[in-house]
Amino acid sequence: MNLLGQPVTALEIAAFVTGLATVWLTKIRHIWNWPVSLLNVACFMVLFYGAKLYADALLQIAFAVLGIVGWWQWTRAANGDAAHDVPVTRTPLREAALSLALCAVAIAAGAWALRRWTDSPVPIADTTLLVLSLLATWWQVRRRLECWLMWITVDIISVPLYWQRSLPLTAVLYVIFLLICLAGYVEWRRAWQRQQATPQPILANA
């Protein structure tokens, strides 16, 4: 199969479908986004390694671990049996500033490591996606509204990178991700505003 003159494999199609399902389920705050994401990371791990996006391939292992943690956290935070009704939280300014500073250091170190020990053609972009995606996923685990802002940044970087690395369907997927993430931010923000108008129980894992 070809997309705009670029080859598309069955593995990339599987990654496309499971990735789309994962982000959509996250948008509507449904716990099943986590188990579906585990299937997605397995597809992308193989796909990215073949494209010499080594940091992205390694990132999938971290995604799998955080996916299990996220599944557990969201299950604890769910309101009764309403799997799509997990409460939204906000990231404190100090936490956000410290997180972004650590990201800058990690990106510099990761890019240096890729240059030194791999044949990665895009060490800075590859490492940036790894680091920012980890932060976005951790904030997602904590149900932070700001996770969507980080995912939007990741999507904007990903689209040209994946197209350049001959992963056209993945590039298209990240365009769709971008649109869903924009909608997700709006939807989660509205949910958070509704929470402010209604007294909420104090959650130990918030």
N, C-alpha and C. Protein backbone atom coordinates (compact mmCIF):
# COMPACT_ATOMS: atom_id res chain seq x y z
N MET A 1 0.85 -1.19 0.00
CA MET A 1 0.00 0.00 0.00
C MET A 1 0.88 1.24 0.00
N ASN A 2 0.45 2.27 -0.75
CA ASN A 2 1.21 3.51 -0.83
C ASN A 2 0.34 4.69 -0.41
N LEU A 3 0.95 5.66 0.24
CA LEU A 3 0.26 6.89 0.63
C LEU A 3 1.08 8.05 0.12
N LEU A 4 0.53 8.75 -0.88
CA LEU A 4 1.22 9.88 -1.50
C LEU A 4 2.64 9.50 -1.93
N GLY A 5 2.75 8.30 -2.53
CA GLY A 5 4.03 7.85 -3.05
C GLY A 5 4.94 7.19 -2.05
N GLN A 6 4.51 7.07 -0.78
CA GLN A 6 5.32 6.45 0.25
C GLN A 6 4.69 5.12 0.67
N PRO A 7 5.50 4.06 0.90
CA PRO A 7 4.97 2.74 1.25
C PRO A 7 4.39 2.72 2.67
N VAL A 8 3.30 1.97 2.83
CA VAL A 8 2.66 1.79 4.13
C VAL A 8 2.56 0.30 4.42
N THR A 9 3.05 -0.14 5.57
CA THR A 9 3.05 -1.55 5.93
C THR A 9 1.84 -1.90 6.79
N ALA A 10 1.58 -3.22 6.92
CA ALA A 10 0.49 -3.69 7.77
C ALA A 10 0.74 -3.29 9.22
N LEU A 11 2.00 -3.32 9.63
CA LEU A 11 2.35 -2.93 11.00
C LEU A 11 2.01 -1.47 11.25
N GLU A 12 2.29 -0.62 10.28
CA GLU A 12 1.99 0.80 10.44
C GLU A 12 0.49 1.03 10.49
N ILE A 13 -0.28 0.25 9.73
CA ILE A 13 -1.74 0.35 9.78
C ILE A 13 -2.25 -0.04 11.16
N ALA A 14 -1.68 -1.13 11.74
CA ALA A 14 -2.09 -1.56 13.08
C ALA A 14 -1.76 -0.49 14.12
N ALA A 15 -0.59 0.14 13.97
CA ALA A 15 -0.21 1.22 14.88
C ALA A 15 -1.15 2.41 14.74
N PHE A 16 -1.56 2.68 13.51
CA PHE A 16 -2.49 3.78 13.22
C PHE A 16 -3.82 3.57 13.93
N VAL A 17 -4.38 2.38 13.78
CA VAL A 17 -5.71 2.09 14.32
C VAL A 17 -5.70 2.11 15.85
N THR A 18 -4.73 1.43 16.45
CA THR A 18 -4.67 1.38 17.92
C THR A 18 -4.29 2.74 18.52
N GLY A 19 -3.45 3.49 17.81
CA GLY A 19 -3.08 4.81 18.29
C GLY A 19 -4.27 5.76 18.29
N LEU A 20 -5.04 5.72 17.22
CA LEU A 20 -6.23 6.56 17.12
C LEU A 20 -7.22 6.23 18.23
N ALA A 21 -7.40 4.93 18.47
CA ALA A 21 -8.32 4.50 19.53
C ALA A 21 -7.84 4.97 20.90
N THR A 22 -6.53 4.88 21.13
CA THR A 22 -5.97 5.29 22.42
C THR A 22 -6.23 6.76 22.71
N VAL A 23 -5.93 7.62 21.74
CA VAL A 23 -6.07 9.06 21.97
C VAL A 23 -7.54 9.44 22.10
N TRP A 24 -8.40 8.80 21.32
CA TRP A 24 -9.83 9.12 21.42
C TRP A 24 -10.38 8.72 22.79
N LEU A 25 -9.99 7.54 23.28
CA LEU A 25 -10.45 7.09 24.59
C LEU A 25 -9.91 7.99 25.70
N THR A 26 -8.69 8.51 25.52
CA THR A 26 -8.15 9.46 26.49
C THR A 26 -8.95 10.75 26.49
N LYS A 27 -9.31 11.21 25.32
CA LYS A 27 -10.08 12.45 25.19
C LYS A 27 -11.37 12.37 25.99
N ILE A 28 -12.06 11.23 25.93
CA ILE A 28 -13.33 11.10 26.64
C ILE A 28 -13.13 10.58 28.07
N ARG A 29 -11.87 10.52 28.51
CA ARG A 29 -11.50 10.12 29.88
C ARG A 29 -11.96 8.70 30.20
N HIS A 30 -11.77 7.81 29.26
CA HIS A 30 -12.15 6.41 29.44
C HIS A 30 -10.93 5.58 29.82
N ILE A 31 -11.04 4.78 30.86
CA ILE A 31 -9.92 3.99 31.37
C ILE A 31 -9.35 3.03 30.34
N TRP A 32 -10.15 2.59 29.39
CA TRP A 32 -9.66 1.62 28.41
C TRP A 32 -8.62 2.20 27.47
N ASN A 33 -8.34 3.50 27.58
CA ASN A 33 -7.25 4.05 26.78
C ASN A 33 -5.93 3.37 27.14
N TRP A 34 -5.78 2.93 28.40
CA TRP A 34 -4.51 2.35 28.84
C TRP A 34 -4.26 0.96 28.29
N PRO A 35 -5.18 0.00 28.37
CA PRO A 35 -4.90 -1.31 27.76
C PRO A 35 -4.73 -1.24 26.25
N VAL A 36 -5.52 -0.39 25.59
CA VAL A 36 -5.37 -0.25 24.13
C VAL A 36 -4.00 0.33 23.80
N SER A 37 -3.52 1.23 24.65
CA SER A 37 -2.21 1.83 24.41
C SER A 37 -1.09 0.80 24.48
N LEU A 38 -1.27 -0.25 25.26
CA LEU A 38 -0.24 -1.29 25.35
C LEU A 38 -0.08 -2.01 24.00
N LEU A 39 -1.18 -2.23 23.30
CA LEU A 39 -1.10 -2.81 21.96
C LEU A 39 -0.42 -1.84 21.00
N ASN A 40 -0.75 -0.57 21.16
CA ASN A 40 -0.18 0.45 20.29
C ASN A 40 1.34 0.56 20.44
N VAL A 41 1.84 0.54 21.68
CA VAL A 41 3.28 0.69 21.87
C VAL A 41 4.06 -0.50 21.32
N ALA A 42 3.45 -1.68 21.35
CA ALA A 42 4.12 -2.85 20.79
C ALA A 42 4.33 -2.67 19.29
N CYS A 43 3.32 -2.15 18.61
CA CYS A 43 3.44 -1.90 17.17
C CYS A 43 4.49 -0.83 16.88
N PHE A 44 4.43 0.26 17.61
CA PHE A 44 5.34 1.37 17.34
C PHE A 44 6.79 1.05 17.72
N MET A 45 7.00 0.19 18.69
CA MET A 45 8.36 -0.16 19.06
C MET A 45 9.09 -0.79 17.88
N VAL A 46 8.43 -1.72 17.21
CA VAL A 46 9.03 -2.38 16.06
C VAL A 46 9.15 -1.40 14.89
N LEU A 47 8.11 -0.61 14.69
CA LEU A 47 8.08 0.33 13.57
C LEU A 47 9.19 1.37 13.68
N PHE A 48 9.36 1.97 14.84
CA PHE A 48 10.35 3.02 15.02
C PHE A 48 11.79 2.49 14.98
N TYR A 49 11.98 1.29 15.50
CA TYR A 49 13.32 0.72 15.44
C TYR A 49 13.74 0.52 13.98
N GLY A 50 12.81 0.06 13.16
CA GLY A 50 13.11 -0.13 11.75
C GLY A 50 13.39 1.17 11.02
N ALA A 51 12.84 2.28 11.54
CA ALA A 51 13.06 3.59 10.93
C ALA A 51 14.27 4.31 11.53
N LYS A 52 15.03 3.63 12.39
CA LYS A 52 16.21 4.19 13.07
C LYS A 52 15.86 5.35 13.98
N LEU A 53 14.62 5.33 14.50
CA LEU A 53 14.21 6.30 15.51
C LEU A 53 14.36 5.61 16.86
N TYR A 54 15.61 5.48 17.30
CA TYR A 54 15.92 4.64 18.45
C TYR A 54 15.34 5.18 19.76
N ALA A 55 15.36 6.48 19.94
CA ALA A 55 14.78 7.05 21.15
C ALA A 55 13.28 6.81 21.19
N ASP A 56 12.64 6.95 20.03
CA ASP A 56 11.20 6.68 19.96
C ASP A 56 10.90 5.22 20.25
N ALA A 57 11.75 4.32 19.78
CA ALA A 57 11.56 2.89 20.05
C ALA A 57 11.70 2.61 21.54
N LEU A 58 12.71 3.20 22.16
CA LEU A 58 12.92 3.04 23.60
C LEU A 58 11.76 3.64 24.39
N LEU A 59 11.23 4.73 23.87
CA LEU A 59 10.11 5.40 24.53
C LEU A 59 8.92 4.46 24.71
N GLN A 60 8.73 3.55 23.77
CA GLN A 60 7.57 2.65 23.85
C GLN A 60 7.63 1.75 25.08
N ILE A 61 8.84 1.39 25.52
CA ILE A 61 8.97 0.59 26.74
C ILE A 61 8.49 1.40 27.94
N ALA A 62 8.91 2.66 27.98
CA ALA A 62 8.46 3.54 29.06
C ALA A 62 6.95 3.73 29.00
N PHE A 63 6.42 3.87 27.79
CA PHE A 63 4.97 4.00 27.63
C PHE A 63 4.25 2.79 28.21
N ALA A 64 4.80 1.60 27.99
CA ALA A 64 4.18 0.38 28.49
C ALA A 64 4.13 0.38 30.02
N VAL A 65 5.26 0.77 30.64
CA VAL A 65 5.31 0.82 32.10
C VAL A 65 4.33 1.86 32.63
N LEU A 66 4.36 3.06 32.05
CA LEU A 66 3.46 4.12 32.50
C LEU A 66 2.01 3.78 32.20
N GLY A 67 1.79 2.99 31.14
CA GLY A 67 0.43 2.57 30.81
C GLY A 67 -0.17 1.71 31.91
N ILE A 68 0.64 0.82 32.46
CA ILE A 68 0.18 -0.03 33.56
C ILE A 68 -0.10 0.81 34.80
N VAL A 69 0.83 1.75 35.09
CA VAL A 69 0.64 2.64 36.23
C VAL A 69 -0.61 3.51 36.03
N GLY A 70 -0.76 4.04 34.83
CA GLY A 70 -1.91 4.89 34.54
C GLY A 70 -3.23 4.15 34.67
N TRP A 71 -3.24 2.92 34.18
CA TRP A 71 -4.44 2.10 34.29
C TRP A 71 -4.82 1.95 35.75
N TRP A 72 -3.88 1.66 36.61
CA TRP A 72 -4.13 1.49 38.03
C TRP A 72 -4.58 2.80 38.68
N GLN A 73 -3.90 3.91 38.34
CA GLN A 73 -4.23 5.20 38.92
C GLN A 73 -5.64 5.64 38.53
N TRP A 74 -5.97 5.49 37.26
CA TRP A 74 -7.29 5.92 36.80
C TRP A 74 -8.39 5.05 37.41
N THR A 75 -8.11 3.78 37.59
CA THR A 75 -9.09 2.89 38.21
C THR A 75 -9.40 3.34 39.62
N ARG A 76 -8.36 3.74 40.35
CA ARG A 76 -8.54 4.23 41.72
C ARG A 76 -9.30 5.56 41.74
N ALA A 77 -9.07 6.40 40.73
CA ALA A 77 -9.64 7.75 40.73
C ALA A 77 -11.04 7.81 40.14
N ALA A 78 -11.46 6.74 39.45
CA ALA A 78 -12.77 6.75 38.78
C ALA A 78 -13.90 6.94 39.78
N ASN A 79 -14.91 7.64 39.36
CA ASN A 79 -16.07 7.91 40.20
C ASN A 79 -17.02 6.72 40.12
N GLY A 80 -16.92 5.81 41.10
CA GLY A 80 -17.76 4.61 41.06
C GLY A 80 -17.38 3.73 39.89
N ASP A 81 -18.37 3.34 39.11
CA ASP A 81 -18.14 2.48 37.95
C ASP A 81 -18.06 3.29 36.66
N ALA A 82 -18.05 4.62 36.76
CA ALA A 82 -18.04 5.47 35.55
C ALA A 82 -16.61 5.57 35.04
N ALA A 83 -16.25 4.68 34.11
CA ALA A 83 -14.87 4.61 33.64
C ALA A 83 -14.44 5.85 32.89
N HIS A 84 -15.40 6.64 32.43
CA HIS A 84 -15.04 7.83 31.66
C HIS A 84 -15.18 9.10 32.51
N ASP A 85 -15.27 8.94 33.83
CA ASP A 85 -15.54 10.08 34.69
C ASP A 85 -14.41 10.35 35.69
N VAL A 86 -13.17 10.07 35.30
CA VAL A 86 -12.05 10.36 36.20
C VAL A 86 -11.90 11.88 36.31
N PRO A 87 -11.63 12.38 37.52
CA PRO A 87 -11.51 13.83 37.71
C PRO A 87 -10.23 14.39 37.08
N VAL A 88 -10.30 15.64 36.66
CA VAL A 88 -9.16 16.34 36.06
C VAL A 88 -8.44 17.13 37.15
N THR A 89 -7.10 17.18 37.08
CA THR A 89 -6.32 17.99 38.02
C THR A 89 -5.49 19.00 37.23
N ARG A 90 -4.90 19.98 37.94
CA ARG A 90 -4.05 20.98 37.31
C ARG A 90 -2.62 20.82 37.80
N THR A 91 -1.67 21.21 36.95
CA THR A 91 -0.25 21.13 37.31
C THR A 91 0.18 22.41 38.02
N PRO A 92 0.66 22.32 39.26
CA PRO A 92 1.15 23.52 39.96
C PRO A 92 2.27 24.17 39.16
N LEU A 93 2.35 25.50 39.22
CA LEU A 93 3.33 26.25 38.44
C LEU A 93 4.76 25.81 38.75
N ARG A 94 5.07 25.59 40.01
CA ARG A 94 6.42 25.19 40.39
C ARG A 94 6.76 23.82 39.79
N GLU A 95 5.80 22.90 39.84
CA GLU A 95 6.03 21.57 39.27
C GLU A 95 6.25 21.66 37.76
N ALA A 96 5.45 22.49 37.09
CA ALA A 96 5.59 22.64 35.65
C ALA A 96 6.95 23.22 35.28
N ALA A 97 7.39 24.25 36.01
CA ALA A 97 8.68 24.88 35.72
C ALA A 97 9.83 23.90 35.92
N LEU A 98 9.79 23.16 37.01
CA LEU A 98 10.85 22.18 37.29
C LEU A 98 10.85 21.07 36.24
N SER A 99 9.67 20.62 35.85
CA SER A 99 9.56 19.56 34.84
C SER A 99 10.16 19.99 33.51
N LEU A 100 9.87 21.21 33.08
CA LEU A 100 10.38 21.70 31.81
C LEU A 100 11.90 21.91 31.86
N ALA A 101 12.41 22.34 33.00
CA ALA A 101 13.86 22.51 33.14
C ALA A 101 14.56 21.16 33.05
N LEU A 102 14.01 20.15 33.71
CA LEU A 102 14.58 18.81 33.63
C LEU A 102 14.49 18.25 32.21
N CYS A 103 13.42 18.59 31.50
CA CYS A 103 13.27 18.15 30.12
C CYS A 103 14.40 18.70 29.25
N ALA A 104 14.73 19.98 29.44
CA ALA A 104 15.79 20.60 28.64
C ALA A 104 17.12 19.89 28.85
N VAL A 105 17.42 19.56 30.10
CA VAL A 105 18.67 18.85 30.42
C VAL A 105 18.65 17.45 29.80
N ALA A 106 17.53 16.76 29.92
CA ALA A 106 17.42 15.40 29.40
C ALA A 106 17.52 15.37 27.87
N ILE A 107 16.96 16.36 27.20
CA ILE A 107 17.04 16.42 25.74
C ILE A 107 18.49 16.60 25.29
N ALA A 108 19.20 17.49 25.96
CA ALA A 108 20.61 17.73 25.61
C ALA A 108 21.43 16.46 25.81
N ALA A 109 21.23 15.78 26.94
CA ALA A 109 21.98 14.56 27.23
C ALA A 109 21.61 13.43 26.27
N GLY A 110 20.33 13.29 25.99
CA GLY A 110 19.88 12.23 25.10
C GLY A 110 20.38 12.41 23.67
N ALA A 111 20.34 13.63 23.18
CA ALA A 111 20.81 13.91 21.82
C ALA A 111 22.30 13.62 21.71
N TRP A 112 23.05 13.99 22.74
CA TRP A 112 24.49 13.69 22.76
C TRP A 112 24.73 12.19 22.71
N ALA A 113 23.97 11.42 23.49
CA ALA A 113 24.13 9.97 23.53
C ALA A 113 23.81 9.33 22.18
N LEU A 114 22.75 9.81 21.54
CA LEU A 114 22.39 9.25 20.23
C LEU A 114 23.47 9.56 19.18
N ARG A 115 24.01 10.76 19.23
CA ARG A 115 25.08 11.11 18.30
C ARG A 115 26.31 10.22 18.51
N ARG A 116 26.62 9.95 19.75
CA ARG A 116 27.84 9.23 20.07
C ARG A 116 27.74 7.73 19.82
N TRP A 117 26.58 7.12 20.12
CA TRP A 117 26.50 5.67 20.13
C TRP A 117 25.55 5.06 19.11
N THR A 118 24.87 5.88 18.29
CA THR A 118 23.97 5.31 17.28
C THR A 118 24.18 6.02 15.95
N ASP A 119 23.50 5.50 14.93
CA ASP A 119 23.54 6.14 13.61
C ASP A 119 22.27 6.95 13.37
N SER A 120 21.66 7.42 14.44
CA SER A 120 20.43 8.20 14.32
C SER A 120 20.64 9.42 13.43
N PRO A 121 19.78 9.61 12.42
CA PRO A 121 19.92 10.78 11.55
C PRO A 121 19.28 12.04 12.14
N VAL A 122 18.47 11.87 13.19
CA VAL A 122 17.76 13.02 13.78
C VAL A 122 17.81 12.94 15.31
N PRO A 123 19.00 13.04 15.90
CA PRO A 123 19.12 12.83 17.34
C PRO A 123 18.37 13.83 18.21
N ILE A 124 18.37 15.10 17.80
CA ILE A 124 17.70 16.11 18.63
C ILE A 124 16.18 15.93 18.60
N ALA A 125 15.61 15.79 17.40
CA ALA A 125 14.16 15.61 17.29
C ALA A 125 13.72 14.32 17.95
N ASP A 126 14.49 13.25 17.74
CA ASP A 126 14.15 11.96 18.31
C ASP A 126 14.13 12.02 19.84
N THR A 127 15.16 12.63 20.42
CA THR A 127 15.24 12.74 21.87
C THR A 127 14.16 13.68 22.42
N THR A 128 13.89 14.75 21.71
CA THR A 128 12.85 15.68 22.16
C THR A 128 11.51 14.99 22.27
N LEU A 129 11.19 14.17 21.28
CA LEU A 129 9.92 13.43 21.33
C LEU A 129 9.89 12.48 22.51
N LEU A 130 11.01 11.81 22.76
CA LEU A 130 11.07 10.88 23.90
C LEU A 130 10.80 11.61 25.21
N VAL A 131 11.53 12.68 25.44
CA VAL A 131 11.45 13.38 26.72
C VAL A 131 10.08 14.04 26.93
N LEU A 132 9.60 14.76 25.92
CA LEU A 132 8.32 15.45 26.07
C LEU A 132 7.16 14.46 26.16
N SER A 133 7.28 13.34 25.46
CA SER A 133 6.22 12.32 25.52
C SER A 133 6.16 11.68 26.90
N LEU A 134 7.33 11.48 27.52
CA LEU A 134 7.34 10.93 28.87
C LEU A 134 6.66 11.88 29.85
N LEU A 135 6.97 13.17 29.72
CA LEU A 135 6.33 14.15 30.59
C LEU A 135 4.83 14.20 30.35
N ALA A 136 4.43 14.19 29.07
CA ALA A 136 3.00 14.22 28.74
C ALA A 136 2.28 13.01 29.32
N THR A 137 2.92 11.84 29.21
CA THR A 137 2.29 10.62 29.71
C THR A 137 2.19 10.65 31.23
N TRP A 138 3.25 11.13 31.91
CA TRP A 138 3.20 11.21 33.36
C TRP A 138 2.11 12.15 33.82
N TRP A 139 1.97 13.30 33.14
CA TRP A 139 0.88 14.22 33.49
C TRP A 139 -0.47 13.59 33.18
N GLN A 140 -0.54 12.78 32.13
CA GLN A 140 -1.78 12.09 31.81
C GLN A 140 -2.14 11.08 32.91
N VAL A 141 -1.11 10.36 33.39
CA VAL A 141 -1.32 9.43 34.50
C VAL A 141 -1.91 10.16 35.71
N ARG A 142 -1.41 11.38 35.95
CA ARG A 142 -1.88 12.18 37.08
C ARG A 142 -3.14 12.97 36.74
N ARG A 143 -3.64 12.78 35.52
CA ARG A 143 -4.88 13.41 35.05
C ARG A 143 -4.74 14.93 34.98
N ARG A 144 -3.53 15.42 34.69
CA ARG A 144 -3.28 16.84 34.58
C ARG A 144 -3.86 17.38 33.27
N LEU A 145 -4.57 18.48 33.36
CA LEU A 145 -5.09 19.14 32.15
C LEU A 145 -3.96 19.48 31.19
N GLU A 146 -2.80 19.88 31.73
CA GLU A 146 -1.69 20.33 30.91
C GLU A 146 -1.04 19.23 30.08
N CYS A 147 -1.41 17.98 30.32
CA CYS A 147 -0.87 16.90 29.48
C CYS A 147 -1.21 17.13 28.02
N TRP A 148 -2.39 17.73 27.78
CA TRP A 148 -2.79 17.97 26.38
C TRP A 148 -1.90 19.00 25.71
N LEU A 149 -1.47 20.01 26.44
CA LEU A 149 -0.57 21.01 25.86
C LEU A 149 0.76 20.37 25.46
N MET A 150 1.23 19.44 26.29
CA MET A 150 2.48 18.75 25.97
C MET A 150 2.29 17.82 24.78
N TRP A 151 1.15 17.11 24.73
CA TRP A 151 0.89 16.24 23.58
C TRP A 151 0.77 17.04 22.29
N ILE A 152 0.18 18.22 22.36
CA ILE A 152 0.06 19.07 21.17
C ILE A 152 1.45 19.43 20.65
N THR A 153 2.37 19.76 21.57
CA THR A 153 3.74 20.07 21.18
C THR A 153 4.40 18.86 20.52
N VAL A 154 4.21 17.69 21.11
CA VAL A 154 4.77 16.46 20.55
C VAL A 154 4.24 16.22 19.14
N ASP A 155 2.95 16.41 18.94
CA ASP A 155 2.34 16.17 17.63
C ASP A 155 2.92 17.10 16.57
N ILE A 156 3.11 18.37 16.93
CA ILE A 156 3.63 19.34 15.97
C ILE A 156 5.04 18.96 15.51
N ILE A 157 5.84 18.43 16.43
CA ILE A 157 7.20 18.00 16.08
C ILE A 157 7.17 16.70 15.29
N SER A 158 6.23 15.82 15.62
CA SER A 158 6.20 14.48 15.05
C SER A 158 5.84 14.43 13.57
N VAL A 159 4.90 15.26 13.15
CA VAL A 159 4.39 15.16 11.78
C VAL A 159 5.49 15.26 10.73
N PRO A 160 6.30 16.33 10.70
CA PRO A 160 7.36 16.39 9.69
C PRO A 160 8.44 15.33 9.88
N LEU A 161 8.73 14.97 11.14
CA LEU A 161 9.77 13.97 11.40
C LEU A 161 9.38 12.61 10.83
N TYR A 162 8.17 12.16 11.08
CA TYR A 162 7.76 10.84 10.62
C TYR A 162 7.61 10.80 9.10
N TRP A 163 7.21 11.91 8.53
CA TRP A 163 7.13 11.96 7.06
C TRP A 163 8.53 11.83 6.47
N GLN A 164 9.47 12.54 7.05
CA GLN A 164 10.85 12.48 6.59
C GLN A 164 11.44 11.08 6.71
N ARG A 165 11.03 10.33 7.74
CA ARG A 165 11.55 8.98 7.97
C ARG A 165 10.73 7.91 7.26
N SER A 166 9.97 8.30 6.24
CA SER A 166 9.18 7.38 5.40
C SER A 166 8.15 6.59 6.20
N LEU A 167 7.48 7.29 7.10
CA LEU A 167 6.36 6.72 7.85
C LEU A 167 5.12 7.60 7.59
N PRO A 168 4.61 7.59 6.35
CA PRO A 168 3.56 8.53 5.97
C PRO A 168 2.26 8.37 6.73
N LEU A 169 1.85 7.13 6.97
CA LEU A 169 0.60 6.93 7.69
C LEU A 169 0.73 7.39 9.14
N THR A 170 1.90 7.20 9.71
CA THR A 170 2.15 7.68 11.07
C THR A 170 2.11 9.21 11.11
N ALA A 171 2.64 9.86 10.08
CA ALA A 171 2.58 11.32 10.01
C ALA A 171 1.13 11.80 9.94
N VAL A 172 0.33 11.11 9.13
CA VAL A 172 -1.10 11.46 9.03
C VAL A 172 -1.78 11.23 10.38
N LEU A 173 -1.42 10.11 11.04
CA LEU A 173 -1.99 9.80 12.35
C LEU A 173 -1.74 10.94 13.33
N TYR A 174 -0.52 11.51 13.30
CA TYR A 174 -0.20 12.57 14.25
C TYR A 174 -0.88 13.89 13.90
N VAL A 175 -1.27 14.07 12.65
CA VAL A 175 -2.12 15.22 12.32
C VAL A 175 -3.49 15.04 12.98
N ILE A 176 -4.02 13.82 12.90
CA ILE A 176 -5.30 13.52 13.54
C ILE A 176 -5.17 13.64 15.05
N PHE A 177 -4.05 13.12 15.59
CA PHE A 177 -3.79 13.26 17.02
C PHE A 177 -3.85 14.72 17.44
N LEU A 178 -3.24 15.58 16.63
CA LEU A 178 -3.20 17.00 16.96
C LEU A 178 -4.61 17.57 17.11
N LEU A 179 -5.48 17.21 16.17
CA LEU A 179 -6.86 17.70 16.21
C LEU A 179 -7.59 17.16 17.44
N ILE A 180 -7.38 15.87 17.74
CA ILE A 180 -8.03 15.27 18.91
C ILE A 180 -7.49 15.89 20.20
N CYS A 181 -6.19 16.15 20.22
CA CYS A 181 -5.59 16.75 21.42
C CYS A 181 -6.13 18.15 21.68
N LEU A 182 -6.32 18.91 20.62
CA LEU A 182 -6.92 20.24 20.79
C LEU A 182 -8.32 20.12 21.38
N ALA A 183 -9.10 19.16 20.85
CA ALA A 183 -10.45 18.94 21.38
C ALA A 183 -10.37 18.39 22.80
N GLY A 184 -9.38 17.52 23.07
CA GLY A 184 -9.22 16.95 24.40
C GLY A 184 -8.94 18.02 25.44
N TYR A 185 -8.09 18.98 25.07
CA TYR A 185 -7.78 20.07 26.00
C TYR A 185 -9.03 20.86 26.35
N VAL A 186 -9.81 21.17 25.32
CA VAL A 186 -11.05 21.93 25.55
C VAL A 186 -12.01 21.13 26.43
N GLU A 187 -12.15 19.84 26.14
CA GLU A 187 -13.09 19.00 26.89
C GLU A 187 -12.66 18.82 28.35
N TRP A 188 -11.36 18.57 28.56
CA TRP A 188 -10.87 18.39 29.94
C TRP A 188 -10.95 19.71 30.72
N ARG A 189 -10.70 20.82 30.03
CA ARG A 189 -10.79 22.11 30.72
C ARG A 189 -12.22 22.38 31.18
N ARG A 190 -13.18 22.05 30.33
CA ARG A 190 -14.58 22.21 30.72
C ARG A 190 -14.92 21.31 31.91
N ALA A 191 -14.39 20.08 31.88
CA ALA A 191 -14.63 19.16 33.00
C ALA A 191 -14.04 19.71 34.29
N TRP A 192 -12.82 20.28 34.19
CA TRP A 192 -12.18 20.86 35.37
C TRP A 192 -12.99 22.04 35.90
N GLN A 193 -13.52 22.87 35.00
CA GLN A 193 -14.33 24.01 35.41
C GLN A 193 -15.61 23.55 36.10
N ARG A 194 -16.20 22.46 35.59
CA ARG A 194 -17.39 21.90 36.25
C ARG A 194 -17.05 21.40 37.65
N GLN A 195 -15.86 20.81 37.78
CA GLN A 195 -15.43 20.32 39.09
C GLN A 195 -15.30 21.46 40.09
N GLN A 196 -14.83 22.63 39.62
CA GLN A 196 -14.66 23.76 40.52
C GLN A 196 -16.00 24.27 41.05
N ALA A 197 -17.05 24.03 40.27
CA ALA A 197 -18.38 24.46 40.68
C ALA A 197 -19.08 23.45 41.57
N THR A 198 -18.49 22.24 41.67
CA THR A 198 -19.07 21.17 42.47
C THR A 198 -18.05 20.67 43.46
N PRO A 199 -18.38 20.61 44.75
CA PRO A 199 -17.40 20.09 45.74
C PRO A 199 -16.95 18.69 45.37
N GLN A 200 -15.62 18.47 45.39
CA GLN A 200 -15.05 17.18 45.03
C GLN A 200 -14.39 16.54 46.25
N PRO A 201 -14.42 15.19 46.34
CA PRO A 201 -13.72 14.52 47.42
C PRO A 201 -12.21 14.66 47.24
N ILE A 202 -11.47 14.74 48.33
CA ILE A 202 -10.01 14.84 48.28
C ILE A 202 -9.44 13.48 47.95
N LEU A 203 -8.63 13.41 46.88
CA LEU A 203 -8.05 12.13 46.44
C LEU A 203 -6.59 12.07 46.84
N ALA A 204 -6.20 10.98 47.44
CA ALA A 204 -4.83 10.85 47.90
C ALA A 204 -3.84 10.80 46.77
N ASN A 205 -4.28 10.34 45.59
CA ASN A 205 -3.36 10.17 44.45
C ASN A 205 -3.51 11.27 43.43
N ALA A 206 -4.13 12.40 43.78
CA ALA A 206 -4.31 13.49 42.84
C ALA A 206 -3.01 14.22 42.60
